[in-house]
């Protein structure tokens, strides 16, 4: 069997130009597949790495509608709640870079740092921020993008809350979990509330809650929502993971399209491999006939064809995964994390994606060889030897 596999592998070298072009074409297709799958896995990273002991509470109708600020005190009194904080979307831009989108929110700094414990801030920066009403902290990605450092002043132009808002950059944070956006701009909700129009005061966007027992998250969520059922503003509470999933559901059409494109790429790869294998079988028809004439069985011939195809798939898999890893993790991932951190805080090829890509390459090569191998095994010795070319 090993000898037969060696013969099959040597057949790959019969036409170096065709082999190289086929492998390169398959590698390009595989890199495109890896890229698309990395987009999908990176998009889901927020749900995958979401805290299991954290809940989110928002307005029952829509995420963009606000809640009364007094709700936070009610939530903190619910059985099973260990701590709670809130945030409010600000919706402002840096006038120096008006096309640069980044999340900017007013938060309750002390409780926010306690609940969002994956946010890493030095003690010096933390002390400075907590004592400065106009203070703000930025993720390291955003700070680099906006070209600011601790001690700088920055002015944002509000849209939801009109006007020019001046902030002191009190700290730069990093993340201990892949799901945390490192391009956020966080400042004191009290500063926002003091400067908000009268009709927008004492309103919060959503509540984030840390609970005692993750296994009872559904019960705690039900208690929170039941408490507000009879009030003018009802809520919906869910785990952080489910909140991330519900957010991703808004883009389900895009995600489905990416999956479809991935399948099309694999079909193209299948056709590339199938065409090369079929050409090789046609060229070696007389050789296979001679092998049959000297005693080789039909399954030997089929094994040669499938073995040659598998070697092509192996070469494409190693090349595609290797180049894809370097291309995404060494270059594209960093660019996307820096430029699109709000959507992709973590953009890297997962090990599972690499394994799937490699297995798919070898499997598609073997699949592409099935029909040519069956045809090769059915070769009539006398008919094949009569052929001139």
Protein backbone atom coordinates (compact mmCIF):
# COMPACT_ATOMS: atom_id res chain seq x y z
CA UNK A 1 0.00 0.00 0.00
CA UNK A 2 2.85 2.40 0.85
CA UNK A 3 4.47 1.61 -2.49
CA UNK A 4 1.24 2.37 -4.33
CA UNK A 5 0.91 5.67 -2.46
CA UNK A 6 4.48 6.57 -3.46
CA UNK A 7 3.67 5.95 -7.12
CA UNK A 8 0.53 8.08 -6.81
CA UNK A 9 2.51 10.91 -5.19
CA UNK A 10 5.16 10.81 -7.94
CA UNK A 11 2.44 11.24 -10.55
CA UNK A 12 1.96 14.77 -9.22
CA UNK A 13 5.42 15.67 -10.57
CA UNK A 14 4.64 14.54 -14.11
CA UNK A 15 3.56 18.05 -15.12
CA UNK A 16 5.08 20.59 -12.76
CA UNK A 17 3.51 23.64 -14.39
CA UNK A 18 -0.01 22.25 -14.16
CA UNK A 19 0.57 21.08 -10.60
CA UNK A 20 1.88 24.47 -9.49
CA UNK A 21 -0.96 26.38 -11.15
CA UNK A 22 -3.56 24.03 -9.66
CA UNK A 23 -2.10 24.23 -6.17
CA UNK A 24 -1.79 28.04 -6.37
CA UNK A 25 -5.39 28.33 -7.54
CA UNK A 26 -6.57 26.09 -4.69
CA UNK A 27 -4.46 28.08 -2.19
CA UNK A 28 -6.05 31.37 -3.31
CA UNK A 29 -9.52 29.83 -2.94
CA UNK A 30 -8.60 28.45 0.47
CA UNK A 31 -7.29 31.83 1.68
CA UNK A 32 -10.57 33.46 0.60
CA UNK A 33 -12.47 30.74 2.49
CA UNK A 34 -10.35 31.29 5.61
CA UNK A 35 -10.89 35.06 5.42
CA UNK A 36 -14.67 34.73 5.18
CA UNK A 37 -14.83 32.18 7.97
CA UNK A 38 -12.63 34.40 10.15
CA UNK A 39 -15.06 37.27 9.58
CA UNK A 40 -17.88 35.02 10.82
CA UNK A 41 -16.00 33.65 13.86
CA UNK A 42 -14.68 37.12 14.77
CA UNK A 43 -18.16 38.59 14.48
CA UNK A 44 -19.38 36.00 16.99
CA UNK A 45 -16.49 36.51 19.42
CA UNK A 46 -18.59 38.86 21.57
CA UNK A 47 -21.13 36.11 22.21
CA UNK A 48 -18.51 33.39 22.57
CA UNK A 49 -16.51 35.24 25.23
CA UNK A 50 -19.43 36.98 26.93
CA UNK A 51 -19.42 36.92 30.73
CA UNK A 52 -21.65 34.15 32.03
CA UNK A 53 -22.53 36.02 35.21
CA UNK A 54 -23.66 39.24 33.55
CA UNK A 55 -27.10 40.33 32.38
CA UNK A 56 -28.25 43.23 30.24
CA UNK A 57 -31.54 45.10 30.70
CA UNK A 58 -32.94 47.42 28.04
CA UNK A 59 -36.23 49.02 27.01
CA UNK A 60 -38.72 46.34 25.95
CA UNK A 61 -39.49 48.04 22.64
CA UNK A 62 -36.04 48.91 21.34
CA UNK A 63 -32.43 49.23 22.37
CA UNK A 64 -32.42 52.90 21.35
CA UNK A 65 -35.23 53.85 23.75
CA UNK A 66 -34.20 54.92 27.23
CA UNK A 67 -35.09 53.91 30.77
CA UNK A 68 -35.68 56.09 33.84
CA UNK A 69 -32.51 56.40 35.88
CA UNK A 70 -34.33 55.32 39.04
CA UNK A 71 -34.60 51.79 37.59
CA UNK A 72 -30.99 51.12 38.54
CA UNK A 73 -31.82 51.26 42.25
CA UNK A 74 -34.69 48.81 41.75
CA UNK A 75 -32.46 46.39 39.84
CA UNK A 76 -29.84 46.46 42.59
CA UNK A 77 -32.46 45.30 45.06
CA UNK A 78 -33.43 42.18 43.10
CA UNK A 79 -32.54 38.87 44.70
CA UNK A 80 -29.48 37.35 43.05
CA UNK A 81 -28.04 40.66 41.82
CA UNK A 82 -24.51 41.26 43.11
CA UNK A 83 -23.84 44.60 41.42
CA UNK A 84 -25.30 46.75 38.66
CA UNK A 85 -24.25 49.68 36.53
CA UNK A 86 -25.60 51.63 33.59
CA UNK A 87 -24.53 53.31 30.38
CA UNK A 88 -25.96 55.86 28.01
CA UNK A 89 -25.13 56.18 24.33
CA UNK A 90 -23.72 59.64 23.58
CA UNK A 91 -23.47 59.61 19.79
CA UNK A 92 -20.76 62.25 19.32
CA UNK A 93 -17.83 62.62 16.90
CA UNK A 94 -14.37 64.09 16.99
CA UNK A 95 -14.58 67.19 14.70
CA UNK A 96 -10.96 66.59 13.69
CA UNK A 97 -11.96 63.20 12.26
CA UNK A 98 -15.69 63.40 11.47
CA UNK A 99 -15.71 60.15 9.49
CA UNK A 100 -14.22 58.12 12.35
CA UNK A 101 -16.92 56.09 14.11
CA UNK A 102 -16.37 54.96 17.69
CA UNK A 103 -18.59 54.08 20.62
CA UNK A 104 -18.87 56.91 23.16
CA UNK A 105 -20.93 56.47 26.29
CA UNK A 106 -21.69 58.11 29.58
CA UNK A 107 -21.28 55.62 32.42
CA UNK A 108 -21.31 55.48 36.20
CA UNK A 109 -17.55 55.08 36.58
CA UNK A 110 -17.24 53.29 39.97
CA UNK A 111 -19.90 50.66 39.32
CA UNK A 112 -18.95 50.34 35.64
CA UNK A 113 -15.39 49.36 36.53
CA UNK A 114 -16.71 46.85 39.06
CA UNK A 115 -19.17 45.18 36.69
CA UNK A 116 -17.00 45.35 33.55
CA UNK A 117 -13.99 43.76 35.19
CA UNK A 118 -12.32 42.86 31.88
CA UNK A 119 -11.52 46.56 31.41
CA UNK A 120 -7.90 47.03 32.51
CA UNK A 121 -7.00 50.49 33.81
CA UNK A 122 -3.97 51.40 35.87
CA UNK A 123 -4.59 52.50 39.46
CA UNK A 124 -3.17 55.94 38.67
CA UNK A 125 -5.51 56.41 35.70
CA UNK A 126 -8.43 55.02 37.69
CA UNK A 127 -7.89 57.46 40.56
CA UNK A 128 -7.53 60.35 38.15
CA UNK A 129 -10.72 59.44 36.26
CA UNK A 130 -12.86 58.90 39.36
CA UNK A 131 -11.90 62.33 40.65
CA UNK A 132 -12.45 64.27 37.43
CA UNK A 133 -16.05 64.97 36.40
CA UNK A 134 -14.97 65.93 32.88
CA UNK A 135 -12.59 63.00 32.67
CA UNK A 136 -12.74 60.30 30.04
CA UNK A 137 -10.92 57.05 29.37
CA UNK A 138 -10.23 55.63 25.92
CA UNK A 139 -9.37 52.18 24.66
CA UNK A 140 -5.78 51.88 23.48
CA UNK A 141 -6.92 51.32 19.88
CA UNK A 142 -9.02 54.50 19.87
CA UNK A 143 -6.31 56.56 21.58
CA UNK A 144 -3.88 55.60 18.84
CA UNK A 145 -6.44 56.31 16.15
CA UNK A 146 -7.28 59.77 17.48
CA UNK A 147 -3.68 60.56 18.38
CA UNK A 148 -4.33 61.42 22.03
CA UNK A 149 -2.56 60.57 25.26
CA UNK A 150 -3.20 60.90 28.98
CA UNK A 151 -3.31 64.57 29.94
CA UNK A 152 -4.71 65.80 26.61
CA UNK A 153 -7.99 67.60 26.19
CA UNK A 154 -10.45 66.53 23.51
CA UNK A 155 -13.70 68.07 22.29
CA UNK A 156 -16.53 65.99 20.85
CA UNK A 157 -19.47 67.36 18.89
CA UNK A 158 -22.74 65.88 20.11
CA UNK A 159 -25.62 64.81 17.88
CA UNK A 160 -28.11 63.25 20.29
CA UNK A 161 -26.91 65.75 22.88
CA UNK A 162 -26.03 68.82 20.76
CA UNK A 163 -23.11 71.08 21.45
CA UNK A 164 -19.36 70.92 21.96
CA UNK A 165 -18.37 68.76 24.92
CA UNK A 166 -14.88 69.10 26.33
CA UNK A 167 -13.17 66.17 28.07
CA UNK A 168 -9.88 65.48 29.81
CA UNK A 169 -8.13 62.27 28.77
CA UNK A 170 -7.56 60.66 32.17
CA UNK A 171 -6.60 57.15 31.15
CA UNK A 172 -6.04 54.56 28.45
CA UNK A 173 -7.50 51.11 29.04
CA UNK A 174 -6.77 47.68 27.59
CA UNK A 175 -8.84 44.49 27.62
CA UNK A 176 -8.52 41.21 29.47
CA UNK A 177 -11.20 39.56 27.32
CA UNK A 178 -11.44 39.34 23.53
CA UNK A 179 -15.03 40.57 23.49
CA UNK A 180 -14.29 44.04 24.93
CA UNK A 181 -14.15 46.84 22.36
CA UNK A 182 -10.84 48.68 22.72
CA UNK A 183 -12.07 51.68 20.73
CA UNK A 184 -14.61 53.03 23.21
CA UNK A 185 -14.74 56.52 24.68
CA UNK A 186 -16.12 56.38 28.24
CA UNK A 187 -16.92 59.38 30.44
CA UNK A 188 -19.02 60.26 33.50
CA UNK A 189 -22.78 60.01 33.05
CA UNK A 190 -23.21 62.79 35.63
CA UNK A 191 -21.38 65.21 33.30
CA UNK A 192 -23.72 64.23 30.47
CA UNK A 193 -26.81 64.49 32.65
CA UNK A 194 -25.90 67.96 33.90
CA UNK A 195 -25.53 69.27 30.34
CA UNK A 196 -28.46 67.41 28.78
CA UNK A 197 -31.66 69.21 27.70
CA UNK A 198 -34.37 69.20 30.36
CA UNK A 199 -36.47 66.50 28.71
CA UNK A 200 -33.47 64.15 28.47
CA UNK A 201 -32.24 64.35 32.04
CA UNK A 202 -32.24 61.37 34.42
CA UNK A 203 -32.46 58.87 31.56
CA UNK A 204 -30.18 55.88 30.99
CA UNK A 205 -29.68 53.66 27.98
CA UNK A 206 -29.36 50.20 29.49
CA UNK A 207 -28.42 48.39 32.69
CA UNK A 208 -25.64 45.82 33.09
CA UNK A 209 -25.94 43.46 36.03
CA UNK A 210 -23.55 41.01 37.64
CA UNK A 211 -25.28 38.13 39.40
CA UNK A 212 -24.31 35.71 42.17
CA UNK A 213 -24.97 32.45 40.32
CA UNK A 214 -24.74 32.16 36.49
CA UNK A 215 -26.88 29.02 36.64
CA UNK A 216 -29.81 31.16 37.85
CA UNK A 217 -29.45 33.91 35.24
CA UNK A 218 -32.84 33.13 33.68
CA UNK A 219 -34.59 33.39 37.08
CA UNK A 220 -32.89 36.69 37.92
CA UNK A 221 -33.74 38.09 34.48
CA UNK A 222 -37.39 37.12 34.97
CA UNK A 223 -37.48 38.82 38.39
CA UNK A 224 -36.10 42.05 36.93
CA UNK A 225 -38.59 42.20 34.08
CA UNK A 226 -41.53 41.21 36.30
CA UNK A 227 -40.74 44.12 38.62
CA UNK A 228 -41.33 46.59 35.76
CA UNK A 229 -44.30 44.84 34.11
CA UNK A 230 -46.87 47.17 35.69
CA UNK A 231 -44.94 50.37 35.01
CA UNK A 232 -45.13 52.72 32.05
CA UNK A 233 -41.72 51.57 30.79
CA UNK A 234 -41.25 47.79 30.58
CA UNK A 235 -37.93 46.05 30.16
CA UNK A 236 -36.41 42.96 28.62
CA UNK A 237 -33.47 41.32 30.38
CA UNK A 238 -31.19 38.65 28.95
CA UNK A 239 -27.74 37.21 29.40
CA UNK A 240 -24.85 39.12 27.90
CA UNK A 241 -24.40 36.32 25.39
CA UNK A 242 -28.03 36.45 24.27
CA UNK A 243 -27.83 40.22 24.01
CA UNK A 244 -24.84 39.84 21.70
CA UNK A 245 -26.68 37.19 19.69
CA UNK A 246 -29.75 39.44 19.32
CA UNK A 247 -27.48 42.21 18.09
CA UNK A 248 -25.90 39.86 15.53
CA UNK A 249 -29.37 38.79 14.37
CA UNK A 250 -29.81 42.25 12.85
CA UNK A 251 -27.06 41.34 10.40
CA UNK A 252 -28.24 37.78 9.71
CA UNK A 253 -28.67 38.46 5.98
CA UNK A 254 -25.03 39.55 5.68
CA UNK A 255 -23.80 36.53 7.64
CA UNK A 256 -25.89 34.20 5.48
CA UNK A 257 -24.46 35.81 2.34
CA UNK A 258 -20.92 35.25 3.60
CA UNK A 259 -21.68 31.58 4.21
CA UNK A 260 -23.09 31.25 0.69
CA UNK A 261 -20.00 32.91 -0.79
CA UNK A 262 -17.84 30.47 1.20
CA UNK A 263 -19.70 27.54 -0.39
CA UNK A 264 -19.28 29.05 -3.86
CA UNK A 265 -15.54 29.38 -3.27
CA UNK A 266 -15.37 25.71 -2.28
CA UNK A 267 -17.27 24.75 -5.46
CA UNK A 268 -14.78 26.73 -7.54
CA UNK A 269 -11.94 24.94 -5.76
CA UNK A 270 -13.63 21.60 -6.45
CA UNK A 271 -13.85 22.40 -10.16
CA UNK A 272 -10.19 23.48 -10.30
CA UNK A 273 -9.04 20.22 -8.73
CA UNK A 274 -11.49 18.10 -10.71
CA UNK A 275 -10.38 19.56 -14.04
CA UNK A 276 -6.70 18.92 -13.30
CA UNK A 277 -7.33 15.37 -12.16
CA UNK A 278 -9.51 14.59 -15.18
CA UNK A 279 -6.82 15.89 -17.54
CA UNK A 280 -4.20 13.71 -15.87
CA UNK A 281 -6.39 10.62 -16.19
CA UNK A 282 -7.01 11.25 -19.90
CA UNK A 283 -3.28 11.69 -20.56
CA UNK A 284 -2.40 8.46 -18.77
CA UNK A 285 -5.13 6.25 -20.22
CA UNK A 286 -2.65 4.06 -22.10
CA UNK A 287 -0.39 3.82 -19.05
CA UNK A 288 -3.29 2.60 -16.95
CA UNK A 289 -4.13 0.07 -19.65
CA UNK A 290 -0.57 -1.25 -19.57
CA UNK A 291 -0.75 -1.53 -15.79
CA UNK A 292 -4.00 -3.49 -16.13
CA UNK A 293 -2.38 -5.73 -18.75
CA UNK A 294 0.51 -6.66 -16.46
CA UNK A 295 -1.74 -7.58 -13.57
CA UNK A 296 -2.83 -4.42 -11.71
CA UNK A 297 -6.45 -4.54 -10.58
CA UNK A 298 -9.09 -1.81 -11.14
CA UNK A 299 -8.87 -0.72 -7.51
CA UNK A 300 -5.12 -0.13 -7.95
CA UNK A 301 -5.83 2.30 -10.78
CA UNK A 302 -8.51 4.05 -8.75
CA UNK A 303 -6.10 4.28 -5.83
CA UNK A 304 -3.49 5.96 -8.05
CA UNK A 305 -5.98 8.62 -9.13
CA UNK A 306 -7.38 9.26 -5.63
CA UNK A 307 -3.88 9.22 -4.13
CA UNK A 308 -2.60 11.78 -6.64
CA UNK A 309 -5.60 14.00 -5.95
CA UNK A 310 -5.09 13.68 -2.21
CA UNK A 311 -1.49 14.82 -2.55
CA UNK A 312 -2.71 17.88 -4.48
CA UNK A 313 -5.23 18.55 -1.72
CA UNK A 314 -2.54 18.09 0.92
CA UNK A 315 -0.25 20.61 -0.80
CA UNK A 316 -3.13 23.07 -1.20
CA UNK A 317 -4.18 22.60 2.43
CA UNK A 318 -0.69 23.17 3.84
CA UNK A 319 -0.10 26.15 1.56
CA UNK A 320 -3.54 27.70 2.06
CA UNK A 321 -3.55 27.38 5.84
CA UNK A 322 0.05 28.52 6.15
CA UNK A 323 -0.35 31.58 3.94
CA UNK A 324 -3.80 32.31 5.38
CA UNK A 325 -2.48 32.25 8.94
CA UNK A 326 0.37 34.61 8.06
CA UNK A 327 -1.82 36.89 5.93
CA UNK A 328 -4.63 37.26 8.50
CA UNK A 329 -2.84 37.01 11.84
CA UNK A 330 0.27 38.86 10.74
CA UNK A 331 -1.25 41.64 8.68
CA UNK A 332 -4.98 41.87 7.98
CA UNK A 333 -6.07 41.08 11.55
CA UNK A 334 -4.11 43.97 13.04
CA UNK A 335 -5.39 46.39 10.39
CA UNK A 336 -9.02 45.37 11.00
CA UNK A 337 -8.68 45.48 14.79
CA UNK A 338 -7.21 48.98 14.57
CA UNK A 339 -9.66 50.27 11.98
CA UNK A 340 -12.86 48.41 12.87
CA UNK A 341 -12.47 47.61 16.56
CA UNK A 342 -16.09 48.52 17.29
CA UNK A 343 -17.20 45.59 15.11
CA UNK A 344 -14.15 43.32 15.32
CA UNK A 345 -12.28 43.78 18.62
CA UNK A 346 -10.56 40.46 17.89
CA UNK A 347 -9.79 39.32 14.34
CA UNK A 348 -7.62 36.21 14.16
CA UNK A 349 -7.79 32.81 12.47
CA UNK A 350 -9.14 30.35 14.99
CA UNK A 351 -7.52 26.91 15.21
CA UNK A 352 -10.86 25.32 14.33
CA UNK A 353 -11.05 27.40 11.14
CA UNK A 354 -7.54 26.32 10.10
CA UNK A 355 -8.32 22.65 10.76
CA UNK A 356 -11.58 22.86 8.82
CA UNK A 357 -9.82 24.54 5.88
CA UNK A 358 -7.14 21.86 5.77
CA UNK A 359 -9.62 18.99 6.00
CA UNK A 360 -11.83 20.62 3.36
CA UNK A 361 -8.87 20.93 0.95
CA UNK A 362 -7.98 17.24 1.21
CA UNK A 363 -11.63 16.12 1.19
CA UNK A 364 -12.50 18.21 -1.88
CA UNK A 365 -9.48 16.86 -3.73
CA UNK A 366 -10.54 13.29 -2.95
CA UNK A 367 -14.14 14.10 -3.92
CA UNK A 368 -13.02 15.67 -7.19
CA UNK A 369 -11.15 12.46 -8.06
CA UNK A 370 -14.10 10.09 -7.57
CA UNK A 371 -15.57 10.27 -11.06
CA UNK A 372 -12.17 10.23 -12.86
CA UNK A 373 -11.04 7.32 -10.66
CA UNK A 374 -14.16 5.31 -11.45
CA UNK A 375 -13.68 5.96 -15.14
CA UNK A 376 -9.99 5.02 -14.92
CA UNK A 377 -10.87 1.74 -13.18
CA UNK A 378 -13.28 0.84 -15.98
CA UNK A 379 -10.69 1.26 -18.74
CA UNK A 380 -10.82 -1.49 -21.32
CA UNK A 381 -7.27 -2.71 -21.89
CA UNK A 382 -7.67 -3.42 -25.59
CA UNK A 383 -9.53 -0.16 -26.35
CA UNK A 384 -7.07 1.95 -24.38
CA UNK A 385 -4.00 0.41 -26.06
CA UNK A 386 -5.46 1.22 -29.48
CA UNK A 387 -5.53 4.94 -28.62
CA UNK A 388 -2.78 6.97 -30.19
CA UNK A 389 -2.65 9.82 -27.61
